[in-house]
C-alpha atoms as a PDB file:
ATOM      1  CA  UNK A   1       0.000   0.000   0.000  1.00  0.00           C
ATOM      2  CA  UNK A   2       1.464   3.296  -1.149  1.00  0.00           C
ATOM      3  CA  UNK A   3      -0.064   6.430   0.315  1.00  0.00           C
ATOM      4  CA  UNK A   4       0.542  10.165   0.177  1.00  0.00           C
ATOM      5  CA  UNK A   5      -0.356  13.220   2.225  1.00  0.00           C
ATOM      6  CA  UNK A   6      -1.019  16.517   0.469  1.00  0.00           C
ATOM      7  CA  UNK A   7      -0.802  19.548   2.738  1.00  0.00           C
ATOM      8  CA  UNK A   8       1.356  17.848   5.341  1.00  0.00           C
ATOM      9  CA  UNK A   9       2.523  21.012   7.093  1.00  0.00           C
ATOM     10  CA  UNK A  10      -0.980  22.164   8.070  1.00  0.00           C
ATOM     11  CA  UNK A  11      -2.835  21.295  11.276  1.00  0.00           C
ATOM     12  CA  UNK A  12      -4.742  18.445   9.640  1.00  0.00           C
ATOM     13  CA  UNK A  13      -1.673  17.222   7.762  1.00  0.00           C
ATOM     14  CA  UNK A  14       0.230  16.983  11.028  1.00  0.00           C
ATOM     15  CA  UNK A  15      -2.683  15.092  12.541  1.00  0.00           C
ATOM     16  CA  UNK A  16      -2.555  12.639   9.629  1.00  0.00           C
ATOM     17  CA  UNK A  17       1.015  11.801  10.625  1.00  0.00           C
ATOM     18  CA  UNK A  18       0.083  11.264  14.284  1.00  0.00           C
ATOM     19  CA  UNK A  19      -2.828   9.008  13.352  1.00  0.00           C
ATOM     20  CA  UNK A  20      -0.785   6.908  10.927  1.00  0.00           C
ATOM     21  CA  UNK A  21       1.440   6.049  13.876  1.00  0.00           C
ATOM     22  CA  UNK A  22      -1.235   5.723  16.557  1.00  0.00           C
ATOM     23  CA  UNK A  23      -3.442   3.439  14.448  1.00  0.00           C
ATOM     24  CA  UNK A  24      -0.517   1.550  12.900  1.00  0.00           C
ATOM     25  CA  UNK A  25      -1.933   2.320   9.473  1.00  0.00           C
ATOM     26  CA  UNK A  26      -0.753  -0.322   6.976  1.00  0.00           C
ATOM     27  CA  UNK A  27       1.415   1.389   4.370  1.00  0.00           C
ATOM     28  CA  UNK A  28       4.549   0.270   2.565  1.00  0.00           C
ATOM     29  CA  UNK A  29       5.491   3.652   1.141  1.00  0.00           C
ATOM     30  CA  UNK A  30       4.637   7.209   2.176  1.00  0.00           C
ATOM     31  CA  UNK A  31       5.102  10.382   0.135  1.00  0.00           C
ATOM     32  CA  UNK A  32       4.600  13.846   1.607  1.00  0.00           C
ATOM     33  CA  UNK A  33       3.581  16.854  -0.487  1.00  0.00           C
ATOM     34  CA  UNK A  34       3.403  20.526   0.357  1.00  0.00           C
ATOM     35  CA  UNK A  35       3.791  24.022  -1.031  1.00  0.00           C
ATOM     36  CA  UNK A  36       7.049  25.428  -2.337  1.00  0.00           C
ATOM     37  CA  UNK A  37       7.549  26.975   1.106  1.00  0.00           C
ATOM     38  CA  UNK A  38       7.328  23.659   2.950  1.00  0.00           C
ATOM     39  CA  UNK A  39       9.171  21.578   0.337  1.00  0.00           C
ATOM     40  CA  UNK A  40      12.376  20.162   1.771  1.00  0.00           C
ATOM     41  CA  UNK A  41      11.036  19.947   5.316  1.00  0.00           C
ATOM     42  CA  UNK A  42      11.470  16.601   7.029  1.00  0.00           C
ATOM     43  CA  UNK A  43       9.088  14.589   9.201  1.00  0.00           C
ATOM     44  CA  UNK A  44       9.601  11.326  11.055  1.00  0.00           C
ATOM     45  CA  UNK A  45       6.835   8.738  10.687  1.00  0.00           C
ATOM     46  CA  UNK A  46       7.085   5.303  12.311  1.00  0.00           C
ATOM     47  CA  UNK A  47      10.777   5.904  12.888  1.00  0.00           C
ATOM     48  CA  UNK A  48      11.557   6.789   9.290  1.00  0.00           C
ATOM     49  CA  UNK A  49      12.443  10.222   7.931  1.00  0.00           C
ATOM     50  CA  UNK A  50      10.472  11.631   4.996  1.00  0.00           C
ATOM     51  CA  UNK A  51      11.209  14.777   2.987  1.00  0.00           C
ATOM     52  CA  UNK A  52       8.356  16.949   1.723  1.00  0.00           C
ATOM     53  CA  UNK A  53       8.074  17.270  -2.048  1.00  0.00           C
ATOM     54  CA  UNK A  54       6.617  20.315  -3.741  1.00  0.00           C
ATOM     55  CA  UNK A  55       3.160  19.667  -5.186  1.00  0.00           C
ATOM     56  CA  UNK A  56       3.416  20.100  -8.951  1.00  0.00           C
ATOM     57  CA  UNK A  57       1.559  19.217 -12.137  1.00  0.00           C
ATOM     58  CA  UNK A  58       3.472  16.068 -13.029  1.00  0.00           C
ATOM     59  CA  UNK A  59       3.344  12.273 -12.643  1.00  0.00           C
ATOM     60  CA  UNK A  60       4.323  12.095  -8.946  1.00  0.00           C
ATOM     61  CA  UNK A  61       1.105  10.230  -8.093  1.00  0.00           C
ATOM     62  CA  UNK A  62       1.560   7.503 -10.707  1.00  0.00           C
ATOM     63  CA  UNK A  63       2.270   4.656  -8.275  1.00  0.00           C
ATOM     64  CA  UNK A  64       0.280   5.878  -5.279  1.00  0.00           C
ATOM     65  CA  UNK A  65      -2.866   4.098  -4.079  1.00  0.00           C
ATOM     66  CA  UNK A  66      -4.491   6.504  -1.593  1.00  0.00           C
ATOM     67  CA  UNK A  67      -3.977  10.253  -1.161  1.00  0.00           C
ATOM     68  CA  UNK A  68      -5.017  12.069   2.015  1.00  0.00           C
ATOM     69  CA  UNK A  69      -5.487  15.674   0.935  1.00  0.00           C
ATOM     70  CA  UNK A  70      -5.905  18.718   3.162  1.00  0.00           C
ATOM     71  CA  UNK A  71      -4.527  21.736   1.344  1.00  0.00           C
ATOM     72  CA  UNK A  72      -7.641  23.817   0.729  1.00  0.00           C
ATOM     73  CA  UNK A  73     -10.393  23.801  -1.877  1.00  0.00           C
ATOM     74  CA  UNK A  74      -8.433  25.725  -4.491  1.00  0.00           C
ATOM     75  CA  UNK A  75      -5.499  23.337  -4.366  1.00  0.00           C
ATOM     76  CA  UNK A  76      -7.790  20.307  -4.420  1.00  0.00           C
ATOM     77  CA  UNK A  77      -9.589  21.527  -7.526  1.00  0.00           C
ATOM     78  CA  UNK A  78      -6.329  22.411  -9.266  1.00  0.00           C
ATOM     79  CA  UNK A  79      -4.550  19.111  -8.596  1.00  0.00           C
ATOM     80  CA  UNK A  80      -7.395  16.566  -8.492  1.00  0.00           C
ATOM     81  CA  UNK A  81      -6.776  15.470 -12.081  1.00  0.00           C
ATOM     82  CA  UNK A  82      -3.046  14.980 -11.421  1.00  0.00           C
ATOM     83  CA  UNK A  83      -3.728  13.035  -8.227  1.00  0.00           C
ATOM     84  CA  UNK A  84      -6.322  10.656  -9.709  1.00  0.00           C
ATOM     85  CA  UNK A  85      -4.883  10.380 -13.236  1.00  0.00           C
ATOM     86  CA  UNK A  86      -3.287   6.975 -12.685  1.00  0.00           C
ATOM     87  CA  UNK A  87      -5.901   5.501 -10.353  1.00  0.00           C
ATOM     88  CA  UNK A  88      -5.047   6.919  -6.945  1.00  0.00           C
ATOM     89  CA  UNK A  89      -8.055   7.507  -4.690  1.00  0.00           C
ATOM     90  CA  UNK A  90      -8.148  11.062  -3.375  1.00  0.00           C
ATOM     91  CA  UNK A  91      -9.739  11.466   0.066  1.00  0.00           C
ATOM     92  CA  UNK A  92     -10.257  15.201   0.131  1.00  0.00           C
ATOM     93  CA  UNK A  93     -10.704  17.201   3.314  1.00  0.00           C
ATOM     94  CA  UNK A  94     -11.667  20.467   1.589  1.00  0.00           C
ATOM     95  CA  UNK A  95     -15.075  21.789   0.544  1.00  0.00           C
ATOM     96  CA  UNK A  96     -14.210  21.489  -3.164  1.00  0.00           C
ATOM     97  CA  UNK A  97     -16.243  18.408  -4.076  1.00  0.00           C
ATOM     98  CA  UNK A  98     -18.623  17.714  -1.193  1.00  0.00           C
ATOM     99  CA  UNK A  99     -21.885  18.458  -2.943  1.00  0.00           C
ATOM    100  CA  UNK A 100     -21.022  17.138  -6.404  1.00  0.00           C
ATOM    101  CA  UNK A 101     -23.379  14.323  -7.370  1.00  0.00           C
ATOM    102  CA  UNK A 102     -20.710  11.939  -8.636  1.00  0.00           C
ATOM    103  CA  UNK A 103     -18.503  12.227  -5.538  1.00  0.00           C
ATOM    104  CA  UNK A 104     -19.429  10.378  -2.319  1.00  0.00           C
ATOM    105  CA  UNK A 105     -19.487  12.355   0.928  1.00  0.00           C
ATOM    106  CA  UNK A 106     -18.593   9.874   3.647  1.00  0.00           C
ATOM    107  CA  UNK A 107     -18.682   9.437   7.398  1.00  0.00           C
ATOM    108  CA  UNK A 108     -17.680   5.772   7.874  1.00  0.00           C
ATOM    109  CA  UNK A 109     -19.966   5.167  10.875  1.00  0.00           C
ATOM    110  CA  UNK A 110     -22.937   6.077   8.681  1.00  0.00           C
ATOM    111  CA  UNK A 111     -22.418   5.567   4.951  1.00  0.00           C
ATOM    112  CA  UNK A 112     -19.089   3.802   4.412  1.00  0.00           C
ATOM    113  CA  UNK A 113     -20.537   1.782   1.534  1.00  0.00           C
ATOM    114  CA  UNK A 114     -20.856   4.980  -0.502  1.00  0.00           C
ATOM    115  CA  UNK A 115     -17.084   4.634  -1.028  1.00  0.00           C
ATOM    116  CA  UNK A 116     -17.792   1.842  -3.510  1.00  0.00           C
ATOM    117  CA  UNK A 117     -19.310   4.249  -6.027  1.00  0.00           C
ATOM    118  CA  UNK A 118     -16.613   6.797  -6.844  1.00  0.00           C
ATOM    119  CA  UNK A 119     -16.514   7.381 -10.612  1.00  0.00           C
ATOM    120  CA  UNK A 120     -13.929  10.155 -10.323  1.00  0.00           C
ATOM    121  CA  UNK A 121     -11.812   8.339  -7.690  1.00  0.00           C
ATOM    122  CA  UNK A 122     -12.494  11.172  -5.235  1.00  0.00           C
ATOM    123  CA  UNK A 123     -14.123  10.758  -1.830  1.00  0.00           C
ATOM    124  CA  UNK A 124     -15.032  13.919   0.051  1.00  0.00           C
ATOM    125  CA  UNK A 125     -14.619  14.429   3.792  1.00  0.00           C
ATOM    126  CA  UNK A 126     -17.583  16.423   5.164  1.00  0.00           C
ATOM    127  CA  UNK A 127     -17.403  19.666   7.086  1.00  0.00           C
ATOM    128  CA  UNK A 128     -16.189  19.193  10.660  1.00  0.00           C
ATOM    129  CA  UNK A 129     -19.406  20.365  12.310  1.00  0.00           C
ATOM    130  CA  UNK A 130     -21.473  18.116  10.056  1.00  0.00           C
ATOM    131  CA  UNK A 131     -19.378  15.046  10.894  1.00  0.00           C
ATOM    132  CA  UNK A 132     -19.754  15.640  14.623  1.00  0.00           C
ATOM    133  CA  UNK A 133     -23.511  16.147  14.346  1.00  0.00           C
ATOM    134  CA  UNK A 134     -24.357  13.198  12.099  1.00  0.00           C
ATOM    135  CA  UNK A 135     -22.314  10.738  14.188  1.00  0.00           C
ATOM    136  CA  UNK A 136     -24.495  11.769  17.151  1.00  0.00           C
ATOM    137  CA  UNK A 137     -27.751  11.800  15.164  1.00  0.00           C
ATOM    138  CA  UNK A 138     -27.260   8.413  13.525  1.00  0.00           C
ATOM    139  CA  UNK A 139     -28.123   6.273  16.609  1.00  0.00           C
ATOM    140  CA  UNK A 140     -31.374   8.238  16.964  1.00  0.00           C
ATOM    141  CA  UNK A 141     -32.180   7.929  13.256  1.00  0.00           C
ATOM    142  CA  UNK A 142     -31.954   4.145  13.616  1.00  0.00           C
ATOM    143  CA  UNK A 143     -34.710   4.289  16.248  1.00  0.00           C
ATOM    144  CA  UNK A 144     -37.005   6.751  14.468  1.00  0.00           C
ATOM    145  CA  UNK A 145     -36.611   9.004  11.439  1.00  0.00           C
ATOM    146  CA  UNK A 146     -35.358  12.476  12.356  1.00  0.00           C
ATOM    147  CA  UNK A 147     -37.464  15.125  10.651  1.00  0.00           C
ATOM    148  CA  UNK A 148     -35.924  18.344  11.955  1.00  0.00           C
ATOM    149  CA  UNK A 149     -32.788  19.562  13.726  1.00  0.00           C
ATOM    150  CA  UNK A 150     -31.977  22.921  15.296  1.00  0.00           C
ATOM    151  CA  UNK A 151     -28.329  23.305  16.188  1.00  0.00           C
ATOM    152  CA  UNK A 152     -26.019  25.944  17.624  1.00  0.00           C
ATOM    153  CA  UNK A 153     -22.321  25.292  17.151  1.00  0.00           C
ATOM    154  CA  UNK A 154     -19.551  26.573  19.408  1.00  0.00           C
ATOM    155  CA  UNK A 155     -16.531  26.246  17.145  1.00  0.00           C
ATOM    156  CA  UNK A 156     -12.985  26.498  18.411  1.00  0.00           C
ATOM    157  CA  UNK A 157     -10.110  28.339  16.774  1.00  0.00           C
ATOM    158  CA  UNK A 158      -8.821  25.002  15.472  1.00  0.00           C
ATOM    159  CA  UNK A 159     -11.499  25.096  12.782  1.00  0.00           C
ATOM    160  CA  UNK A 160      -9.567  27.917  11.114  1.00  0.00           C
ATOM    161  CA  UNK A 161      -6.223  26.121  11.247  1.00  0.00           C
ATOM    162  CA  UNK A 162      -2.955  26.168  13.162  1.00  0.00           C
ATOM    163  CA  UNK A 163      -2.347  29.880  12.637  1.00  0.00           C
ATOM    164  CA  UNK A 164      -5.757  30.682  14.086  1.00  0.00           C
ATOM    165  CA  UNK A 165      -5.059  28.643  17.214  1.00  0.00           C
ATOM    166  CA  UNK A 166      -1.791  30.506  17.644  1.00  0.00           C
ATOM    167  CA  UNK A 167      -3.521  33.856  17.145  1.00  0.00           C
ATOM    168  CA  UNK A 168      -5.990  33.065  19.941  1.00  0.00           C
ATOM    169  CA  UNK A 169      -3.104  32.330  22.310  1.00  0.00           C
ATOM    170  CA  UNK A 170      -1.305  35.535  21.318  1.00  0.00           C
ATOM    171  CA  UNK A 171      -4.474  37.607  21.620  1.00  0.00           C
ATOM    172  CA  UNK A 172      -5.215  36.224  25.083  1.00  0.00           C
ATOM    173  CA  UNK A 173      -1.737  37.157  26.291  1.00  0.00           C
ATOM    174  CA  UNK A 174      -1.955  40.583  24.693  1.00  0.00           C
ATOM    175  CA  UNK A 175      -5.346  41.404  26.232  1.00  0.00           C
ATOM    176  CA  UNK A 176      -4.237  40.275  29.688  1.00  0.00           C
ATOM    177  CA  UNK A 177      -1.228  42.585  29.385  1.00  0.00           C
ATOM    178  CA  UNK A 178      -3.419  45.492  28.317  1.00  0.00           C
ATOM    179  CA  UNK A 179      -2.007  45.486  24.782  1.00  0.00           C
ATOM    180  CA  UNK A 180      -3.934  45.845  21.519  1.00  0.00           C
ATOM    181  CA  UNK A 181      -4.616  42.351  20.167  1.00  0.00           C
ATOM    182  CA  UNK A 182      -3.308  41.104  16.833  1.00  0.00           C
ATOM    183  CA  UNK A 183      -6.281  40.472  14.501  1.00  0.00           C
ATOM    184  CA  UNK A 184      -5.449  38.660  11.273  1.00  0.00           C
ATOM    185  CA  UNK A 185      -7.168  35.264  11.049  1.00  0.00           C
ATOM    186  CA  UNK A 186     -10.576  36.383  12.318  1.00  0.00           C
ATOM    187  CA  UNK A 187     -12.766  39.366  11.501  1.00  0.00           C
ATOM    188  CA  UNK A 188     -12.748  40.465  15.131  1.00  0.00           C
ATOM    189  CA  UNK A 189     -10.830  39.775  18.319  1.00  0.00           C
ATOM    190  CA  UNK A 190     -11.647  36.225  19.394  1.00  0.00           C
ATOM    191  CA  UNK A 191     -10.039  36.272  22.845  1.00  0.00           C
ATOM    192  CA  UNK A 192     -12.718  36.908  25.512  1.00  0.00           C
ATOM    193  CA  UNK A 193     -15.295  37.216  22.740  1.00  0.00           C
ATOM    194  CA  UNK A 194     -17.792  35.283  20.589  1.00  0.00           C
ATOM    195  CA  UNK A 195     -18.149  35.811  16.837  1.00  0.00           C
ATOM    196  CA  UNK A 196     -21.578  34.773  15.450  1.00  0.00           C
ATOM    197  CA  UNK A 197     -20.292  34.399  11.901  1.00  0.00           C
ATOM    198  CA  UNK A 198     -18.301  31.570  10.324  1.00  0.00           C
ATOM    199  CA  UNK A 199     -17.792  31.900   6.551  1.00  0.00           C
ATOM    200  CA  UNK A 200     -19.714  34.376   4.401  1.00  0.00           C
ATOM    201  CA  UNK A 201     -23.445  35.087   4.503  1.00  0.00           C
ATOM    202  CA  UNK A 202     -25.699  33.702   1.767  1.00  0.00           C
ATOM    203  CA  UNK A 203     -28.872  35.211   0.292  1.00  0.00           C
ATOM    204  CA  UNK A 204     -31.046  33.677   3.032  1.00  0.00           C
ATOM    205  CA  UNK A 205     -28.916  35.270   5.801  1.00  0.00           C
ATOM    206  CA  UNK A 206     -27.483  31.913   6.873  1.00  0.00           C
ATOM    207  CA  UNK A 207     -23.719  31.571   6.444  1.00  0.00           C
ATOM    208  CA  UNK A 208     -22.142  29.043   4.098  1.00  0.00           C
ATOM    209  CA  UNK A 209     -20.978  27.120   7.183  1.00  0.00           C
ATOM    210  CA  UNK A 210     -24.558  26.866   8.419  1.00  0.00           C
ATOM    211  CA  UNK A 211     -25.932  25.800   5.044  1.00  0.00           C
ATOM    212  CA  UNK A 212     -23.240  23.124   4.750  1.00  0.00           C
ATOM    213  CA  UNK A 213     -24.743  21.440   7.788  1.00  0.00           C
ATOM    214  CA  UNK A 214     -28.158  21.268   6.138  1.00  0.00           C
ATOM    215  CA  UNK A 215     -27.003  20.148   2.698  1.00  0.00           C
ATOM    216  CA  UNK A 216     -24.236  17.758   3.728  1.00  0.00           C
ATOM    217  CA  UNK A 217     -26.350  16.020   6.364  1.00  0.00           C
ATOM    218  CA  UNK A 218     -29.028  15.166   3.814  1.00  0.00           C
ATOM    219  CA  UNK A 219     -26.433  13.732   1.432  1.00  0.00           C
ATOM    220  CA  UNK A 220     -24.620  11.670   4.073  1.00  0.00           C
ATOM    221  CA  UNK A 221     -27.736  10.286   5.746  1.00  0.00           C
ATOM    222  CA  UNK A 222     -29.679   9.868   2.467  1.00  0.00           C
ATOM    223  CA  UNK A 223     -32.482  11.713   4.190  1.00  0.00           C
ATOM    224  CA  UNK A 224     -34.942  14.590   3.868  1.00  0.00           C
ATOM    225  CA  UNK A 225     -33.895  15.831   7.316  1.00  0.00           C
ATOM    226  CA  UNK A 226     -34.143  19.615   7.780  1.00  0.00           C
ATOM    227  CA  UNK A 227     -31.268  21.287   9.621  1.00  0.00           C
ATOM    228  CA  UNK A 228     -31.294  24.894  10.827  1.00  0.00           C
ATOM    229  CA  UNK A 229     -27.917  25.956  12.234  1.00  0.00           C
ATOM    230  CA  UNK A 230     -26.305  28.942  13.912  1.00  0.00           C
ATOM    231  CA  UNK A 231     -22.498  28.733  13.839  1.00  0.00           C
ATOM    232  CA  UNK A 232     -20.472  30.651  16.417  1.00  0.00           C
ATOM    233  CA  UNK A 233     -16.699  30.971  16.831  1.00  0.00           C
ATOM    234  CA  UNK A 234     -15.674  30.762  20.477  1.00  0.00           C
ATOM    235  CA  UNK A 235     -12.371  31.444  22.293  1.00  0.00           C
ATOM    236  CA  UNK A 236     -11.482  27.771  22.706  1.00  0.00           C
ATOM    237  CA  UNK A 237      -8.250  26.480  21.215  1.00  0.00           C
ATOM    238  CA  UNK A 238      -9.356  23.034  20.101  1.00  0.00           C
ATOM    239  CA  UNK A 239     -12.508  20.843  19.928  1.00  0.00           C
ATOM    240  CA  UNK A 240     -15.941  21.985  18.787  1.00  0.00           C
ATOM    241  CA  UNK A 241     -19.150  21.869  20.817  1.00  0.00           C
ATOM    242  CA  UNK A 242     -22.741  21.664  19.573  1.00  0.00           C
ATOM    243  CA  UNK A 243     -26.132  22.131  21.228  1.00  0.00           C
ATOM    244  CA  UNK A 244     -28.616  19.985  19.304  1.00  0.00           C
ATOM    245  CA  UNK A 245     -32.410  19.807  19.336  1.00  0.00           C
ATOM    246  CA  UNK A 246     -34.026  17.178  17.109  1.00  0.00           C
ATOM    247  CA  UNK A 247     -37.539  15.970  16.364  1.00  0.00           C
ATOM    248  CA  UNK A 248     -38.308  12.367  15.404  1.00  0.00           C
ATOM    249  CA  UNK A 249     -41.282  10.775  13.665  1.00  0.00           C
ATOM    250  CA  UNK A 250     -42.155   8.802  16.799  1.00  0.00           C
ATOM    251  CA  UNK A 251     -41.816   9.637  20.458  1.00  0.00           C
ATOM    252  CA  UNK A 252     -38.767   7.805  21.837  1.00  0.00           C
ATOM    253  CA  UNK A 253     -38.344   6.595  25.427  1.00  0.00           C
ATOM    254  CA  UNK A 254     -35.238   8.228  26.827  1.00  0.00           C
ATOM    255  CA  UNK A 255     -33.803   4.886  27.950  1.00  0.00           C
ATOM    256  CA  UNK A 256     -33.860   3.621  24.348  1.00  0.00           C
ATOM    257  CA  UNK A 257     -31.912   6.668  23.217  1.00  0.00           C
ATOM    258  CA  UNK A 258     -29.403   6.209  26.034  1.00  0.00           C
ATOM    259  CA  UNK A 259     -28.813   2.595  25.043  1.00  0.00           C
ATOM    260  CA  UNK A 260     -28.485   3.595  21.382  1.00  0.00           C
ATOM    261  CA  UNK A 261     -25.772   6.101  22.254  1.00  0.00           C
ATOM    262  CA  UNK A 262     -23.966   3.573  24.461  1.00  0.00           C
ATOM    263  CA  UNK A 263     -23.791   1.007  21.665  1.00  0.00           C
ATOM    264  CA  UNK A 264     -23.070   3.427  18.800  1.00  0.00           C
ATOM    265  CA  UNK A 265     -19.725   3.270  17.053  1.00  0.00           C
ATOM    266  CA  UNK A 266     -17.688   6.447  17.467  1.00  0.00           C
ATOM    267  CA  UNK A 267     -19.861   7.811  20.283  1.00  0.00           C
ATOM    268  CA  UNK A 268     -19.088   8.055  24.000  1.00  0.00           C
ATOM    269  CA  UNK A 269     -21.945   8.926  26.353  1.00  0.00           C
ATOM    270  CA  UNK A 270     -20.678  11.189  29.135  1.00  0.00           C
ATOM    271  CA  UNK A 271     -23.848  12.169  30.923  1.00  0.00           C
ATOM    272  CA  UNK A 272     -24.396  12.480  34.652  1.00  0.00           C
ATOM    273  CA  UNK A 273     -25.605  16.021  35.407  1.00  0.00           C
ATOM    274  CA  UNK A 274     -26.097  15.279  39.105  1.00  0.00           C
ATOM    275  CA  UNK A 275     -22.354  14.706  39.410  1.00  0.00           C
ATOM    276  CA  UNK A 276     -21.402  17.466  36.973  1.00  0.00           C
ATOM    277  CA  UNK A 277     -20.329  15.017  34.259  1.00  0.00           C
ATOM    278  CA  UNK A 278     -20.808  16.214  30.696  1.00  0.00           C
ATOM    279  CA  UNK A 279     -18.523  16.793  27.684  1.00  0.00           C
ATOM    280  CA  UNK A 280     -16.270  19.851  27.682  1.00  0.00           C
ATOM    281  CA  UNK A 281     -13.735  20.805  24.996  1.00  0.00           C
ATOM    282  CA  UNK A 282     -10.919  21.532  27.438  1.00  0.00           C
ATOM    283  CA  UNK A 283     -10.851  17.884  28.523  1.00  0.00           C
ATOM    284  CA  UNK A 284     -11.576  16.226  25.179  1.00  0.00           C
ATOM    285  CA  UNK A 285      -9.078  17.848  22.811  1.00  0.00           C
ATOM    286  CA  UNK A 286      -7.014  15.088  21.240  1.00  0.00           C
ATOM    287  CA  UNK A 287      -9.722  12.423  21.676  1.00  0.00           C
ATOM    288  CA  UNK A 288     -11.249  10.496  18.795  1.00  0.00           C
ATOM    289  CA  UNK A 289     -14.941  10.053  19.603  1.00  0.00           C
ATOM    290  CA  UNK A 290     -17.984  12.302  19.525  1.00  0.00           C
ATOM    291  CA  UNK A 291     -18.923  12.799  23.180  1.00  0.00           C
ATOM    292  CA  UNK A 292     -22.605  13.191  24.084  1.00  0.00           C
ATOM    293  CA  UNK A 293     -24.114  14.588  27.281  1.00  0.00           C
ATOM    294  CA  UNK A 294     -26.966  16.685  28.700  1.00  0.00           C
ATOM    295  CA  UNK A 295     -29.381  14.260  27.010  1.00  0.00           C
ATOM    296  CA  UNK A 296     -33.022  14.993  27.817  1.00  0.00           C
ATOM    297  CA  UNK A 297     -36.527  14.960  26.405  1.00  0.00           C
ATOM    298  CA  UNK A 298     -37.549  18.303  24.952  1.00  0.00           C
ATOM    299  CA  UNK A 299     -40.458  19.238  27.215  1.00  0.00           C
ATOM    300  CA  UNK A 300     -41.838  21.589  24.528  1.00  0.00           C
ATOM    301  CA  UNK A 301     -42.330  18.851  21.909  1.00  0.00           C
ATOM    302  CA  UNK A 302     -43.554  15.249  22.406  1.00  0.00           C
ATOM    303  CA  UNK A 303     -41.118  13.883  19.820  1.00  0.00           C
ATOM    304  CA  UNK A 304     -38.222  16.147  20.703  1.00  0.00           C
ATOM    305  CA  UNK A 305     -34.779  15.429  22.161  1.00  0.00           C
ATOM    306  CA  UNK A 306     -32.064  17.818  23.288  1.00  0.00           C
ATOM    307  CA  UNK A 307     -28.402  17.065  23.913  1.00  0.00           C
ATOM    308  CA  UNK A 308     -24.849  18.463  23.820  1.00  0.00           C
ATOM    309  CA  UNK A 309     -21.847  17.126  21.925  1.00  0.00           C
ATOM    310  CA  UNK A 310     -18.101  17.775  21.926  1.00  0.00           C
ATOM    311  CA  UNK A 311     -15.559  16.444  19.450  1.00  0.00           C
ATOM    312  CA  UNK A 312     -12.035  17.338  18.376  1.00  0.00           C
ATOM    313  CA  UNK A 313     -12.369  19.137  15.052  1.00  0.00           C
ATOM    314  CA  UNK A 314      -8.876  18.225  13.881  1.00  0.00           C
ATOM    315  CA  UNK A 315      -9.382  14.573  14.792  1.00  0.00           C
ATOM    316  CA  UNK A 316     -12.858  13.223  14.039  1.00  0.00           C
ATOM    317  CA  UNK A 317     -13.849  16.436  12.296  1.00  0.00           C
ATOM    318  CA  UNK A 318     -11.044  16.098   9.762  1.00  0.00           C
ATOM    319  CA  UNK A 319      -7.987  13.813   9.861  1.00  0.00           C
ATOM    320  CA  UNK A 320      -9.460  10.801  11.660  1.00  0.00           C
ATOM    321  CA  UNK A 321     -12.537  10.658   9.442  1.00  0.00           C
ATOM    322  CA  UNK A 322     -10.294  10.592   6.343  1.00  0.00           C
ATOM    323  CA  UNK A 323      -8.065   7.911   7.864  1.00  0.00           C
ATOM    324  CA  UNK A 324     -11.134   5.820   8.698  1.00  0.00           C
ATOM    325  CA  UNK A 325     -12.279   6.092   5.091  1.00  0.00           C
ATOM    326  CA  UNK A 326      -8.864   4.853   3.939  1.00  0.00           C
ATOM    327  CA  UNK A 327      -8.983   1.993   6.445  1.00  0.00           C
ATOM    328  CA  UNK A 328     -12.406   0.963   5.178  1.00  0.00           C
ATOM    329  CA  UNK A 329     -11.136   0.995   1.606  1.00  0.00           C
ATOM    330  CA  UNK A 330      -8.216  -1.269   2.503  1.00  0.00           C
ATOM    331  CA  UNK A 331     -10.230  -3.641   4.717  1.00  0.00           C
ATOM    332  CA  UNK A 332     -12.825  -4.128   1.970  1.00  0.00           C
ATOM    333  CA  UNK A 333     -10.330  -4.446  -0.899  1.00  0.00           C
ATOM    334  CA  UNK A 334     -11.666  -1.322  -2.563  1.00  0.00           C
ATOM    335  CA  UNK A 335      -8.162  -0.197  -3.441  1.00  0.00           C
END
């Protein structure tokens, strides 16, 4: 198995490297690609040293089986033909191809079999907030069809990359010292603040980030589910949180939902309000699962449920989901 990472120097690219080691991912050869600026850098993976190659329009992907790409939508669109030209499967972490009809959008816990139908040899990784939400919704969907979801996201700086996480740290120090904060990655100061805008606004006054959650969820779950989201950037370094309200076709006993969460793949139920046990991003950064807590019946709707989730955006929201797709492909001889 010959694999490659495109965008290795970014936050997700670095997480790819960690996960290859942690999960003992089965590869025989590894090639790292980056921009001209990162070309020549060296990384150690499984005890071996690898030098980053500059991503170019050439035949570098000729003998590669699987490519884990996280270099931005523009780069993905520009180099997709080069990457897939000789049969490599591109697992793309950007927004470039998510809603294209001939490209599967995959969360392995839900629709792994969609990987089998990939006419362009591209598989798209969903948006981080969508992944976190659908992993939590899927156990409920198996009990009764979910008709509607209202969700408020509390998205950490990690969602905007490594430089954004660093800016939050710098801003926090600057504000505490009484200095003017550096503002480059975000529209406003994030330290000690909330920003109720992620991505640009669309014609319906929802942002692109919020509309992704509606559109991507329907594609992943093969469902007519309606999702109304409000996405908020919060001064947390890493791991996103989501407050979710959903309505199902049938009224569900809470104990059934609890058992569904306990047995669901990729979900950890952390829910004991009486003892102050519930998911929090500070404690769950670097973890793999989607953590669920504050589960309760919505007393305003007979078929409603409310709960809270936390998941590491760089892990399950990005790198881990892509790695799991690659693992599924290998385990099922799809590559």
